[in-house]
């Protein structure tokens, strides 16, 4: 891995733009579009690893921001949304209600009524 390739990965993770990242990394502006595309394709795994690491590094800061919103936001809906996000990520998301029907226990008439009710406009 060259210094230019390392810089390209760093810039691509930051900007998401292969052409600009190639220029920032020191490649010629004339060839940046082609170089960026080739580097993005060739260094896909390294880019994914660097992106994952960058996201992991942001988690504590993001949690701090969401916590601040939950505690200090003026809008009640913003505070509630932040609280729900915190609880969801802590594994305390409410169970969604799922309705099940045992079709084997239904008569043909009951099934037809269900179909009619669902297809009514």
PDB file of N, CA and C in Angstrom:
ATOM      1  N   UNK A   1       0.851  -1.177   0.000  1.00  0.00           N
ATOM      2  CA  UNK A   1       0.000   0.000   0.000  1.00  0.00           C
ATOM      3  C   UNK A   1       0.894   1.237   0.000  1.00  0.00           C
ATOM      4  N   UNK A   2       0.657   2.121  -0.948  1.00  0.00           N
ATOM      5  CA  UNK A   2       1.462   3.344  -1.038  1.00  0.00           C
ATOM      6  C   UNK A   2       0.860   4.433  -0.158  1.00  0.00           C
ATOM      7  N   UNK A   3       1.630   5.491   0.078  1.00  0.00           N
ATOM      8  CA  UNK A   3       1.131   6.638   0.837  1.00  0.00           C
ATOM      9  C   UNK A   3      -0.063   7.272   0.130  1.00  0.00           C
ATOM     10  N   UNK A   4       0.002   7.351  -1.201  1.00  0.00           N
ATOM     11  CA  UNK A   4      -1.099   7.928  -1.975  1.00  0.00           C
ATOM     12  C   UNK A   4      -2.377   7.095  -1.804  1.00  0.00           C
ATOM     13  N   UNK A   5      -2.227   5.779  -1.824  1.00  0.00           N
ATOM     14  CA  UNK A   5      -3.389   4.908  -1.657  1.00  0.00           C
ATOM     15  C   UNK A   5      -3.988   5.061  -0.261  1.00  0.00           C
ATOM     16  N   UNK A   6      -3.112   5.134   0.745  1.00  0.00           N
ATOM     17  CA  UNK A   6      -3.589   5.361   2.113  1.00  0.00           C
ATOM     18  C   UNK A   6      -4.351   6.682   2.220  1.00  0.00           C
ATOM     19  N   UNK A   7      -3.809   7.719   1.598  1.00  0.00           N
ATOM     20  CA  UNK A   7      -4.444   9.033   1.625  1.00  0.00           C
ATOM     21  C   UNK A   7      -5.770   8.984   0.868  1.00  0.00           C
ATOM     22  N   UNK A   8      -5.795   8.269  -0.251  1.00  0.00           N
ATOM     23  CA  UNK A   8      -7.044   8.131  -1.003  1.00  0.00           C
ATOM     24  C   UNK A   8      -8.122   7.494  -0.131  1.00  0.00           C
ATOM     25  N   UNK A   9      -7.790   6.409   0.549  1.00  0.00           N
ATOM     26  CA  UNK A   9      -8.752   5.721   1.420  1.00  0.00           C
ATOM     27  C   UNK A   9      -9.256   6.671   2.496  1.00  0.00           C
ATOM     28  N   UNK A  10      -8.348   7.368   3.131  1.00  0.00           N
ATOM     29  CA  UNK A  10      -8.706   8.314   4.184  1.00  0.00           C
ATOM     30  C   UNK A  10      -9.675   9.381   3.663  1.00  0.00           C
ATOM     31  N   UNK A  11      -9.347   9.949   2.512  1.00  0.00           N
ATOM     32  CA  UNK A  11     -10.183  11.005   1.934  1.00  0.00           C
ATOM     33  C   UNK A  11     -11.511  10.456   1.433  1.00  0.00           C
ATOM     34  N   UNK A  12     -11.506   9.253   0.858  1.00  0.00           N
ATOM     35  CA  UNK A  12     -12.743   8.676   0.350  1.00  0.00           C
ATOM     36  C   UNK A  12     -13.712   8.378   1.495  1.00  0.00           C
ATOM     37  N   UNK A  13     -13.196   7.878   2.600  1.00  0.00           N
ATOM     38  CA  UNK A  13     -14.042   7.629   3.771  1.00  0.00           C
ATOM     39  C   UNK A  13     -14.627   8.942   4.282  1.00  0.00           C
ATOM     40  N   UNK A  14     -13.853   9.999   4.194  1.00  0.00           N
ATOM     41  CA  UNK A  14     -14.293  11.311   4.686  1.00  0.00           C
ATOM     42  C   UNK A  14     -15.294  11.966   3.744  1.00  0.00           C
ATOM     43  N   UNK A  15     -15.063  11.874   2.424  1.00  0.00           N
ATOM     44  CA  UNK A  15     -15.886  12.624   1.465  1.00  0.00           C
ATOM     45  C   UNK A  15     -16.883  11.774   0.683  1.00  0.00           C
ATOM     46  N   UNK A  16     -16.556  10.510   0.437  1.00  0.00           N
ATOM     47  CA  UNK A  16     -17.408   9.668  -0.396  1.00  0.00           C
ATOM     48  C   UNK A  16     -17.294   9.976  -1.874  1.00  0.00           C
ATOM     49  N   UNK A  17     -16.322  10.800  -2.258  1.00  0.00           N
ATOM     50  CA  UNK A  17     -16.151  11.201  -3.653  1.00  0.00           C
ATOM     51  C   UNK A  17     -14.786  10.713  -4.142  1.00  0.00           C
ATOM     52  N   UNK A  18     -14.806   9.755  -5.071  1.00  0.00           N
ATOM     53  CA  UNK A  18     -13.572   9.126  -5.536  1.00  0.00           C
ATOM     54  C   UNK A  18     -12.674  10.100  -6.299  1.00  0.00           C
ATOM     55  N   UNK A  19     -13.259  10.960  -7.128  1.00  0.00           N
ATOM     56  CA  UNK A  19     -12.454  11.901  -7.913  1.00  0.00           C
ATOM     57  C   UNK A  19     -11.751  12.899  -7.008  1.00  0.00           C
ATOM     58  N   UNK A  20     -12.505  13.537  -6.109  1.00  0.00           N
ATOM     59  CA  UNK A  20     -11.898  14.496  -5.175  1.00  0.00           C
ATOM     60  C   UNK A  20     -10.865  13.819  -4.289  1.00  0.00           C
ATOM     61  N   UNK A  21     -11.149  12.600  -3.876  1.00  0.00           N
ATOM     62  CA  UNK A  21     -10.213  11.878  -3.010  1.00  0.00           C
ATOM     63  C   UNK A  21      -8.906  11.591  -3.730  1.00  0.00           C
ATOM     64  N   UNK A  22      -8.991  11.274  -5.005  1.00  0.00           N
ATOM     65  CA  UNK A  22      -7.779  11.036  -5.785  1.00  0.00           C
ATOM     66  C   UNK A  22      -6.943  12.308  -5.881  1.00  0.00           C
ATOM     67  N   UNK A  23      -7.596  13.457  -6.102  1.00  0.00           N
ATOM     68  CA  UNK A  23      -6.877  14.732  -6.168  1.00  0.00           C
ATOM     69  C   UNK A  23      -6.237  15.036  -4.814  1.00  0.00           C
ATOM     70  N   UNK A  24      -7.003  14.907  -3.735  1.00  0.00           N
ATOM     71  CA  UNK A  24      -6.473  15.168  -2.384  1.00  0.00           C
ATOM     72  C   UNK A  24      -5.291  14.251  -2.063  1.00  0.00           C
ATOM     73  N   UNK A  25      -5.331  13.045  -2.616  1.00  0.00           N
ATOM     74  CA  UNK A  25      -4.268  12.083  -2.352  1.00  0.00           C
ATOM     75  C   UNK A  25      -3.010  12.354  -3.170  1.00  0.00           C
ATOM     76  N   UNK A  26      -3.108  13.268  -4.153  1.00  0.00           N
ATOM     77  CA  UNK A  26      -1.924  13.626  -4.914  1.00  0.00           C
ATOM     78  C   UNK A  26      -1.905  13.129  -6.344  1.00  0.00           C
ATOM     79  N   UNK A  27      -3.005  12.547  -6.812  1.00  0.00           N
ATOM     80  CA  UNK A  27      -3.071  12.119  -8.203  1.00  0.00           C
ATOM     81  C   UNK A  27      -3.388  13.322  -9.080  1.00  0.00           C
ATOM     82  N   UNK A  28      -3.024  13.252 -10.335  1.00  0.00           N
ATOM     83  CA  UNK A  28      -3.236  14.336 -11.291  1.00  0.00           C
ATOM     84  C   UNK A  28      -4.723  14.632 -11.441  1.00  0.00           C
ATOM     85  N   UNK A  29      -5.066  15.920 -11.545  1.00  0.00           N
ATOM     86  CA  UNK A  29      -6.464  16.308 -11.753  1.00  0.00           C
ATOM     87  C   UNK A  29      -6.993  15.763 -13.071  1.00  0.00           C
ATOM     88  N   UNK A  30      -6.122  15.663 -14.072  1.00  0.00           N
ATOM     89  CA  UNK A  30      -6.542  15.146 -15.380  1.00  0.00           C
ATOM     90  C   UNK A  30      -6.962  13.678 -15.307  1.00  0.00           C
ATOM     91  N   UNK A  31      -6.265  12.908 -14.471  1.00  0.00           N
ATOM     92  CA  UNK A  31      -6.558  11.475 -14.392  1.00  0.00           C
ATOM     93  C   UNK A  31      -7.348  11.106 -13.137  1.00  0.00           C
ATOM     94  N   UNK A  32      -7.763  12.085 -12.363  1.00  0.00           N
ATOM     95  CA  UNK A  32      -8.390  11.819 -11.058  1.00  0.00           C
ATOM     96  C   UNK A  32      -9.677  11.003 -11.170  1.00  0.00           C
ATOM     97  N   UNK A  33     -10.477  11.271 -12.186  1.00  0.00           N
ATOM     98  CA  UNK A  33     -11.738  10.543 -12.322  1.00  0.00           C
ATOM     99  C   UNK A  33     -11.477   9.050 -12.551  1.00  0.00           C
ATOM    100  N   UNK A  34     -10.583   8.752 -13.478  1.00  0.00           N
ATOM    101  CA  UNK A  34     -10.246   7.354 -13.782  1.00  0.00           C
ATOM    102  C   UNK A  34      -9.519   6.719 -12.603  1.00  0.00           C
ATOM    103  N   UNK A  35      -8.519   7.428 -12.061  1.00  0.00           N
ATOM    104  CA  UNK A  35      -7.756   6.902 -10.930  1.00  0.00           C
ATOM    105  C   UNK A  35      -8.678   6.643  -9.730  1.00  0.00           C
ATOM    106  N   UNK A  36      -9.572   7.591  -9.463  1.00  0.00           N
ATOM    107  CA  UNK A  36     -10.491   7.441  -8.337  1.00  0.00           C
ATOM    108  C   UNK A  36     -11.362   6.214  -8.475  1.00  0.00           C
ATOM    109  N   UNK A  37     -11.897   6.017  -9.654  1.00  0.00           N
ATOM    110  CA  UNK A  37     -12.741   4.841  -9.906  1.00  0.00           C
ATOM    111  C   UNK A  37     -11.940   3.546  -9.737  1.00  0.00           C
ATOM    112  N   UNK A  38     -10.751   3.517 -10.322  1.00  0.00           N
ATOM    113  CA  UNK A  38      -9.918   2.311 -10.212  1.00  0.00           C
ATOM    114  C   UNK A  38      -9.533   2.035  -8.763  1.00  0.00           C
ATOM    115  N   UNK A  39      -9.139   3.093  -8.035  1.00  0.00           N
ATOM    116  CA  UNK A  39      -8.747   2.911  -6.636  1.00  0.00           C
ATOM    117  C   UNK A  39      -9.934   2.459  -5.785  1.00  0.00           C
ATOM    118  N   UNK A  40     -11.072   3.056  -6.031  1.00  0.00           N
ATOM    119  CA  UNK A  40     -12.273   2.689  -5.280  1.00  0.00           C
ATOM    120  C   UNK A  40     -12.596   1.207  -5.477  1.00  0.00           C
ATOM    121  N   UNK A  41     -12.451   0.742  -6.692  1.00  0.00           N
ATOM    122  CA  UNK A  41     -12.723  -0.667  -6.995  1.00  0.00           C
ATOM    123  C   UNK A  41     -11.646  -1.580  -6.411  1.00  0.00           C
ATOM    124  N   UNK A  42     -10.394  -1.235  -6.627  1.00  0.00           N
ATOM    125  CA  UNK A  42      -9.277  -2.080  -6.193  1.00  0.00           C
ATOM    126  C   UNK A  42      -9.130  -2.120  -4.674  1.00  0.00           C
ATOM    127  N   UNK A  43      -9.452  -1.012  -4.017  1.00  0.00           N
ATOM    128  CA  UNK A  43      -9.249  -0.915  -2.564  1.00  0.00           C
ATOM    129  C   UNK A  43     -10.561  -1.036  -1.775  1.00  0.00           C
ATOM    130  N   UNK A  44     -11.538  -1.679  -2.381  1.00  0.00           N
ATOM    131  CA  UNK A  44     -12.868  -1.795  -1.771  1.00  0.00           C
ATOM    132  C   UNK A  44     -12.818  -2.325  -0.339  1.00  0.00           C
ATOM    133  N   UNK A  45     -12.084  -3.414  -0.110  1.00  0.00           N
ATOM    134  CA  UNK A  45     -12.029  -4.003   1.231  1.00  0.00           C
ATOM    135  C   UNK A  45     -11.385  -3.061   2.243  1.00  0.00           C
ATOM    136  N   UNK A  46     -10.315  -2.408   1.827  1.00  0.00           N
ATOM    137  CA  UNK A  46      -9.639  -1.467   2.718  1.00  0.00           C
ATOM    138  C   UNK A  46     -10.536  -0.273   3.034  1.00  0.00           C
ATOM    139  N   UNK A  47     -11.302   0.176   2.027  1.00  0.00           N
ATOM    140  CA  UNK A  47     -12.236   1.283   2.239  1.00  0.00           C
ATOM    141  C   UNK A  47     -13.328   0.867   3.227  1.00  0.00           C
ATOM    142  N   UNK A  48     -13.855  -0.340   3.069  1.00  0.00           N
ATOM    143  CA  UNK A  48     -14.882  -0.840   3.991  1.00  0.00           C
ATOM    144  C   UNK A  48     -14.350  -0.913   5.415  1.00  0.00           C
ATOM    145  N   UNK A  49     -13.125  -1.421   5.571  1.00  0.00           N
ATOM    146  CA  UNK A  49     -12.521  -1.510   6.913  1.00  0.00           C
ATOM    147  C   UNK A  49     -12.331  -0.126   7.527  1.00  0.00           C
ATOM    148  N   UNK A  50     -11.839   0.804   6.725  1.00  0.00           N
ATOM    149  CA  UNK A  50     -11.611   2.160   7.225  1.00  0.00           C
ATOM    150  C   UNK A  50     -12.931   2.859   7.560  1.00  0.00           C
ATOM    151  N   UNK A  51     -13.958   2.615   6.752  1.00  0.00           N
ATOM    152  CA  UNK A  51     -15.279   3.202   7.014  1.00  0.00           C
ATOM    153  C   UNK A  51     -15.846   2.656   8.314  1.00  0.00           C
ATOM    154  N   UNK A  52     -15.743   1.356   8.509  1.00  0.00           N
ATOM    155  CA  UNK A  52     -16.229   0.735   9.739  1.00  0.00           C
ATOM    156  C   UNK A  52     -15.519   1.317  10.959  1.00  0.00           C
ATOM    157  N   UNK A  53     -14.211   1.453  10.863  1.00  0.00           N
ATOM    158  CA  UNK A  53     -13.437   2.005  11.977  1.00  0.00           C
ATOM    159  C   UNK A  53     -13.838   3.459  12.246  1.00  0.00           C
ATOM    160  N   UNK A  54     -14.030   4.234  11.183  1.00  0.00           N
ATOM    161  CA  UNK A  54     -14.430   5.632  11.351  1.00  0.00           C
ATOM    162  C   UNK A  54     -15.789   5.720  12.045  1.00  0.00           C
ATOM    163  N   UNK A  55     -16.705   4.840  11.664  1.00  0.00           N
ATOM    164  CA  UNK A  55     -18.019   4.839  12.314  1.00  0.00           C
ATOM    165  C   UNK A  55     -17.903   4.432  13.782  1.00  0.00           C
ATOM    166  N   UNK A  56     -17.098   3.437  14.052  1.00  0.00           N
ATOM    167  CA  UNK A  56     -16.906   2.998  15.439  1.00  0.00           C
ATOM    168  C   UNK A  56     -16.341   4.124  16.294  1.00  0.00           C
ATOM    169  N   UNK A  57     -15.444   4.901  15.714  1.00  0.00           N
ATOM    170  CA  UNK A  57     -14.837   6.010  16.445  1.00  0.00           C
ATOM    171  C   UNK A  57     -15.842   7.115  16.771  1.00  0.00           C
ATOM    172  N   UNK A  58     -16.920   7.207  15.981  1.00  0.00           N
ATOM    173  CA  UNK A  58     -17.927   8.260  16.166  1.00  0.00           C
ATOM    174  C   UNK A  58     -19.026   7.876  17.155  1.00  0.00           C
ATOM    175  N   UNK A  59     -19.122   6.611  17.523  1.00  0.00           N
ATOM    176  CA  UNK A  59     -20.215   6.153  18.380  1.00  0.00           C
ATOM    177  C   UNK A  59     -20.264   6.889  19.719  1.00  0.00           C
ATOM    178  N   UNK A  60     -19.161   7.024  20.451  1.00  0.00           N
ATOM    179  CA  UNK A  60     -19.259   7.735  21.735  1.00  0.00           C
ATOM    180  C   UNK A  60     -19.761   9.179  21.587  1.00  0.00           C
ATOM    181  N   UNK A  61     -19.290   9.873  20.567  1.00  0.00           N
ATOM    182  CA  UNK A  61     -19.727  11.248  20.335  1.00  0.00           C
ATOM    183  C   UNK A  61     -21.211  11.287  19.982  1.00  0.00           C
ATOM    184  N   UNK A  62     -21.650  10.380  19.134  1.00  0.00           N
ATOM    185  CA  UNK A  62     -23.059  10.336  18.738  1.00  0.00           C
ATOM    186  C   UNK A  62     -23.948  10.030  19.939  1.00  0.00           C
ATOM    187  N   UNK A  63     -23.520   9.115  20.782  1.00  0.00           N
ATOM    188  CA  UNK A  63     -24.283   8.798  21.981  1.00  0.00           C
ATOM    189  C   UNK A  63     -24.375  10.012  22.898  1.00  0.00           C
ATOM    190  N   UNK A  64     -23.305  10.749  23.000  1.00  0.00           N
ATOM    191  CA  UNK A  64     -23.304  11.965  23.818  1.00  0.00           C
ATOM    192  C   UNK A  64     -24.308  12.974  23.282  1.00  0.00           C
ATOM    193  N   UNK A  65     -24.348  13.146  21.959  1.00  0.00           N
ATOM    194  CA  UNK A  65     -25.283  14.100  21.351  1.00  0.00           C
ATOM    195  C   UNK A  65     -26.733  13.675  21.579  1.00  0.00           C
ATOM    196  N   UNK A  66     -27.008  12.390  21.381  1.00  0.00           N
ATOM    197  CA  UNK A  66     -28.378  11.908  21.568  1.00  0.00           C
ATOM    198  C   UNK A  66     -28.788  12.041  23.035  1.00  0.00           C
ATOM    199  N   UNK A  67     -27.868  11.752  23.939  1.00  0.00           N
ATOM    200  CA  UNK A  67     -28.150  11.904  25.367  1.00  0.00           C
ATOM    201  C   UNK A  67     -28.436  13.362  25.705  1.00  0.00           C
ATOM    202  N   UNK A  68     -27.637  14.274  25.158  1.00  0.00           N
ATOM    203  CA  UNK A  68     -27.884  15.710  25.380  1.00  0.00           C
ATOM    204  C   UNK A  68     -29.265  16.112  24.862  1.00  0.00           C
ATOM    205  N   UNK A  69     -29.644  15.599  23.690  1.00  0.00           N
ATOM    206  CA  UNK A  69     -30.972  15.899  23.158  1.00  0.00           C
ATOM    207  C   UNK A  69     -32.067  15.366  24.084  1.00  0.00           C
ATOM    208  N   UNK A  70     -31.881  14.159  24.580  1.00  0.00           N
ATOM    209  CA  UNK A  70     -32.880  13.556  25.467  1.00  0.00           C
ATOM    210  C   UNK A  70     -33.039  14.356  26.753  1.00  0.00           C
ATOM    211  N   UNK A  71     -31.964  14.956  27.207  1.00  0.00           N
ATOM    212  CA  UNK A  71     -31.995  15.682  28.477  1.00  0.00           C
ATOM    213  C   UNK A  71     -32.314  17.164  28.320  1.00  0.00           C
ATOM    214  N   UNK A  72     -31.890  17.786  27.209  1.00  0.00           N
ATOM    215  CA  UNK A  72     -31.905  19.250  27.150  1.00  0.00           C
ATOM    216  C   UNK A  72     -32.714  19.856  26.006  1.00  0.00           C
ATOM    217  N   UNK A  73     -33.200  19.066  25.085  1.00  0.00           N
ATOM    218  CA  UNK A  73     -33.912  19.644  23.938  1.00  0.00           C
ATOM    219  C   UNK A  73     -35.167  20.375  24.411  1.00  0.00           C
ATOM    220  N   UNK A  74     -35.443  21.502  23.789  1.00  0.00           N
ATOM    221  CA  UNK A  74     -36.631  22.272  24.146  1.00  0.00           C
ATOM    222  C   UNK A  74     -37.900  21.588  23.656  1.00  0.00           C
ATOM    223  N   UNK A  75     -37.839  20.946  22.525  1.00  0.00           N
ATOM    224  CA  UNK A  75     -39.000  20.279  21.941  1.00  0.00           C
ATOM    225  C   UNK A  75     -39.226  18.924  22.618  1.00  0.00           C
ATOM    226  N   UNK A  76     -40.453  18.711  23.075  1.00  0.00           N
ATOM    227  CA  UNK A  76     -40.775  17.426  23.693  1.00  0.00           C
ATOM    228  C   UNK A  76     -40.660  16.288  22.685  1.00  0.00           C
ATOM    229  N   UNK A  77     -41.028  16.534  21.431  1.00  0.00           N
ATOM    230  CA  UNK A  77     -40.953  15.470  20.422  1.00  0.00           C
ATOM    231  C   UNK A  77     -39.492  15.100  20.133  1.00  0.00           C
ATOM    232  N   UNK A  78     -38.593  16.084  20.174  1.00  0.00           N
ATOM    233  CA  UNK A  78     -37.168  15.792  19.973  1.00  0.00           C
ATOM    234  C   UNK A  78     -36.646  14.973  21.156  1.00  0.00           C
ATOM    235  N   UNK A  79     -37.016  15.369  22.374  1.00  0.00           N
ATOM    236  CA  UNK A  79     -36.579  14.608  23.558  1.00  0.00           C
ATOM    237  C   UNK A  79     -37.103  13.185  23.502  1.00  0.00           C
ATOM    238  N   UNK A  80     -38.391  13.021  23.157  1.00  0.00           N
ATOM    239  CA  UNK A  80     -38.983  11.688  23.076  1.00  0.00           C
ATOM    240  C   UNK A  80     -38.289  10.848  22.006  1.00  0.00           C
ATOM    241  N   UNK A  81     -38.012  11.437  20.847  1.00  0.00           N
ATOM    242  CA  UNK A  81     -37.318  10.709  19.791  1.00  0.00           C
ATOM    243  C   UNK A  81     -35.934  10.257  20.223  1.00  0.00           C
ATOM    244  N   UNK A  82     -35.227  11.133  20.922  1.00  0.00           N
ATOM    245  CA  UNK A  82     -33.883  10.782  21.394  1.00  0.00           C
ATOM    246  C   UNK A  82     -33.956   9.658  22.431  1.00  0.00           C
ATOM    247  N   UNK A  83     -34.926   9.739  23.316  1.00  0.00           N
ATOM    248  CA  UNK A  83     -35.089   8.688  24.325  1.00  0.00           C
ATOM    249  C   UNK A  83     -35.409   7.355  23.657  1.00  0.00           C
ATOM    250  N   UNK A  84     -36.310   7.372  22.665  1.00  0.00           N
ATOM    251  CA  UNK A  84     -36.640   6.139  21.940  1.00  0.00           C
ATOM    252  C   UNK A  84     -35.403   5.568  21.251  1.00  0.00           C
ATOM    253  N   UNK A  85     -34.590   6.434  20.651  1.00  0.00           N
ATOM    254  CA  UNK A  85     -33.369   5.964  19.986  1.00  0.00           C
ATOM    255  C   UNK A  85     -32.424   5.299  20.981  1.00  0.00           C
ATOM    256  N   UNK A  86     -32.259   5.914  22.135  1.00  0.00           N
ATOM    257  CA  UNK A  86     -31.377   5.337  23.158  1.00  0.00           C
ATOM    258  C   UNK A  86     -31.905   3.973  23.593  1.00  0.00           C
ATOM    259  N   UNK A  87     -33.195   3.886  23.890  1.00  0.00           N
ATOM    260  CA  UNK A  87     -33.774   2.616  24.333  1.00  0.00           C
ATOM    261  C   UNK A  87     -33.716   1.552  23.243  1.00  0.00           C
ATOM    262  N   UNK A  88     -33.986   1.948  21.995  1.00  0.00           N
ATOM    263  CA  UNK A  88     -33.905   0.994  20.880  1.00  0.00           C
ATOM    264  C   UNK A  88     -32.514   0.385  20.787  1.00  0.00           C
ATOM    265  N   UNK A  89     -31.505   1.228  20.865  1.00  0.00           N
ATOM    266  CA  UNK A  89     -30.132   0.749  20.722  1.00  0.00           C
ATOM    267  C   UNK A  89     -29.650  -0.036  21.941  1.00  0.00           C
ATOM    268  N   UNK A  90     -30.357   0.139  23.056  1.00  0.00           N
ATOM    269  CA  UNK A  90     -30.026  -0.622  24.258  1.00  0.00           C
ATOM    270  C   UNK A  90     -30.763  -1.962  24.273  1.00  0.00           C
ATOM    271  N   UNK A  91     -31.508  -2.245  23.198  1.00  0.00           N
ATOM    272  CA  UNK A  91     -32.216  -3.521  23.101  1.00  0.00           C
ATOM    273  C   UNK A  91     -33.587  -3.501  23.750  1.00  0.00           C
ATOM    274  N   UNK A  92     -34.123  -2.329  24.005  1.00  0.00           N
ATOM    275  CA  UNK A  92     -35.415  -2.221  24.672  1.00  0.00           C
ATOM    276  C   UNK A  92     -36.507  -1.705  23.748  1.00  0.00           C
ATOM    277  N   UNK A  93     -36.386  -2.018  22.491  1.00  0.00           N
ATOM    278  CA  UNK A  93     -37.400  -1.607  21.521  1.00  0.00           C
ATOM    279  C   UNK A  93     -38.678  -2.384  21.817  1.00  0.00           C
ATOM    280  N   UNK A  94     -39.821  -1.701  21.815  1.00  0.00           N
ATOM    281  CA  UNK A  94     -41.072  -2.420  22.091  1.00  0.00           C
ATOM    282  C   UNK A  94     -41.354  -3.468  21.025  1.00  0.00           C
ATOM    283  N   UNK A  95     -41.986  -4.536  21.449  1.00  0.00           N
ATOM    284  CA  UNK A  95     -42.350  -5.608  20.522  1.00  0.00           C
ATOM    285  C   UNK A  95     -43.486  -5.104  19.657  1.00  0.00           C
ATOM    286  N   UNK A  96     -43.340  -5.293  18.367  1.00  0.00           N
ATOM    287  CA  UNK A  96     -44.392  -4.878  17.452  1.00  0.00           C
ATOM    288  C   UNK A  96     -45.478  -5.944  17.428  1.00  0.00           C
ATOM    289  N   UNK A  97     -46.722  -5.489  17.472  1.00  0.00           N
ATOM    290  CA  UNK A  97     -47.849  -6.401  17.484  1.00  0.00           C
ATOM    291  C   UNK A  97     -47.989  -7.049  16.110  1.00  0.00           C
ATOM    292  N   UNK A  98     -48.079  -8.362  16.117  1.00  0.00           N
ATOM    293  CA  UNK A  98     -48.251  -9.110  14.879  1.00  0.00           C
ATOM    294  C   UNK A  98     -49.518  -9.945  15.018  1.00  0.00           C
ATOM    295  N   UNK A  99     -50.437  -9.746  14.090  1.00  0.00           N
ATOM    296  CA  UNK A  99     -51.685 -10.499  14.123  1.00  0.00           C
ATOM    297  C   UNK A  99     -51.521 -11.744  13.269  1.00  0.00           C
ATOM    298  N   UNK A 100     -51.891 -12.876  13.849  1.00  0.00           N
ATOM    299  CA  UNK A 100     -51.826 -14.125  13.097  1.00  0.00           C
ATOM    300  C   UNK A 100     -53.223 -14.735  13.023  1.00  0.00           C
ATOM    301  N   UNK A 101     -53.455 -15.436  11.983  1.00  0.00           N
ATOM    302  CA  UNK A 101     -54.742 -16.098  11.780  1.00  0.00           C
ATOM    303  C   UNK A 101     -54.475 -17.549  11.402  1.00  0.00           C
ATOM    304  N   UNK A 102     -55.193 -18.451  12.066  1.00  0.00           N
ATOM    305  CA  UNK A 102     -55.065 -19.862  11.730  1.00  0.00           C
ATOM    306  C   UNK A 102     -56.097 -20.180  10.662  1.00  0.00           C
ATOM    307  N   UNK A 103     -55.658 -20.168   9.426  1.00  0.00           N
ATOM    308  CA  UNK A 103     -56.571 -20.357   8.292  1.00  0.00           C
ATOM    309  C   UNK A 103     -57.146 -21.767   8.258  1.00  0.00           C
ATOM    310  N   UNK A 104     -56.432 -22.727   8.834  1.00  0.00           N
ATOM    311  CA  UNK A 104     -56.928 -24.110   8.830  1.00  0.00           C
ATOM    312  C   UNK A 104     -58.198 -24.263   9.658  1.00  0.00           C
ATOM    313  N   UNK A 105     -58.387 -23.411  10.648  1.00  0.00           N
ATOM    314  CA  UNK A 105     -59.556 -23.496  11.523  1.00  0.00           C
ATOM    315  C   UNK A 105     -60.738 -22.694  10.999  1.00  0.00           C
ATOM    316  N   UNK A 106     -60.583 -22.015   9.871  1.00  0.00           N
ATOM    317  CA  UNK A 106     -61.639 -21.162   9.329  1.00  0.00           C
ATOM    318  C   UNK A 106     -62.446 -21.905   8.260  1.00  0.00           C
ATOM    319  N   UNK A 107     -63.722 -21.569   8.201  1.00  0.00           N
ATOM    320  CA  UNK A 107     -64.574 -22.129   7.142  1.00  0.00           C
ATOM    321  C   UNK A 107     -64.309 -21.358   5.849  1.00  0.00           C
ATOM    322  N   UNK A 108     -64.801 -21.903   4.757  1.00  0.00           N
ATOM    323  CA  UNK A 108     -64.638 -21.230   3.466  1.00  0.00           C
ATOM    324  C   UNK A 108     -65.303 -19.856   3.476  1.00  0.00           C
ATOM    325  N   UNK A 109     -66.461 -19.751   4.133  1.00  0.00           N
ATOM    326  CA  UNK A 109     -67.170 -18.482   4.203  1.00  0.00           C
ATOM    327  C   UNK A 109     -66.363 -17.447   4.995  1.00  0.00           C
ATOM    328  N   UNK A 110     -65.753 -17.874   6.103  1.00  0.00           N
ATOM    329  CA  UNK A 110     -64.937 -16.958   6.913  1.00  0.00           C
ATOM    330  C   UNK A 110     -63.716 -16.472   6.132  1.00  0.00           C
ATOM    331  N   UNK A 111     -63.109 -17.372   5.400  1.00  0.00           N
ATOM    332  CA  UNK A 111     -61.953 -16.996   4.575  1.00  0.00           C
ATOM    333  C   UNK A 111     -62.372 -15.984   3.522  1.00  0.00           C
ATOM    334  N   UNK A 112     -63.534 -16.238   2.863  1.00  0.00           N
ATOM    335  CA  UNK A 112     -64.010 -15.321   1.837  1.00  0.00           C
ATOM    336  C   UNK A 112     -64.330 -13.959   2.429  1.00  0.00           C
ATOM    337  N   UNK A 113     -64.905 -13.894   3.628  1.00  0.00           N
ATOM    338  CA  UNK A 113     -65.183 -12.612   4.288  1.00  0.00           C
ATOM    339  C   UNK A 113     -63.881 -11.855   4.570  1.00  0.00           C
ATOM    340  N   UNK A 114     -62.858 -12.583   4.999  1.00  0.00           N
ATOM    341  CA  UNK A 114     -61.547 -11.958   5.260  1.00  0.00           C
ATOM    342  C   UNK A 114     -60.966 -11.394   3.965  1.00  0.00           C
ATOM    343  N   UNK A 115     -61.053 -12.161   2.897  1.00  0.00           N
ATOM    344  CA  UNK A 115     -60.532 -11.708   1.605  1.00  0.00           C
ATOM    345  C   UNK A 115     -61.297 -10.469   1.132  1.00  0.00           C
ATOM    346  N   UNK A 116     -62.617 -10.524   1.251  1.00  0.00           N
ATOM    347  CA  UNK A 116     -63.438  -9.393   0.846  1.00  0.00           C
ATOM    348  C   UNK A 116     -63.092  -8.141   1.651  1.00  0.00           C
ATOM    349  N   UNK A 117     -62.902  -8.291   2.945  1.00  0.00           N
ATOM    350  CA  UNK A 117     -62.579  -7.149   3.797  1.00  0.00           C
ATOM    351  C   UNK A 117     -61.228  -6.561   3.432  1.00  0.00           C
ATOM    352  N   UNK A 118     -60.269  -7.392   3.081  1.00  0.00           N
ATOM    353  CA  UNK A 118     -58.920  -6.909   2.747  1.00  0.00           C
ATOM    354  C   UNK A 118     -58.851  -6.287   1.358  1.00  0.00           C
ATOM    355  N   UNK A 119     -59.727  -6.710   0.462  1.00  0.00           N
ATOM    356  CA  UNK A 119     -59.660  -6.202  -0.916  1.00  0.00           C
ATOM    357  C   UNK A 119     -60.664  -5.081  -1.186  1.00  0.00           C
ATOM    358  N   UNK A 120     -61.435  -4.697  -0.184  1.00  0.00           N
ATOM    359  CA  UNK A 120     -62.394  -3.591  -0.336  1.00  0.00           C
ATOM    360  C   UNK A 120     -61.655  -2.292  -0.549  1.00  0.00           C
ATOM    361  N   UNK A 121     -62.126  -1.458  -1.456  1.00  0.00           N
ATOM    362  CA  UNK A 121     -61.486  -0.172  -1.719  1.00  0.00           C
ATOM    363  C   UNK A 121     -62.238   0.929  -1.095  1.00  0.00           C
TER     364      UNK A 121
END
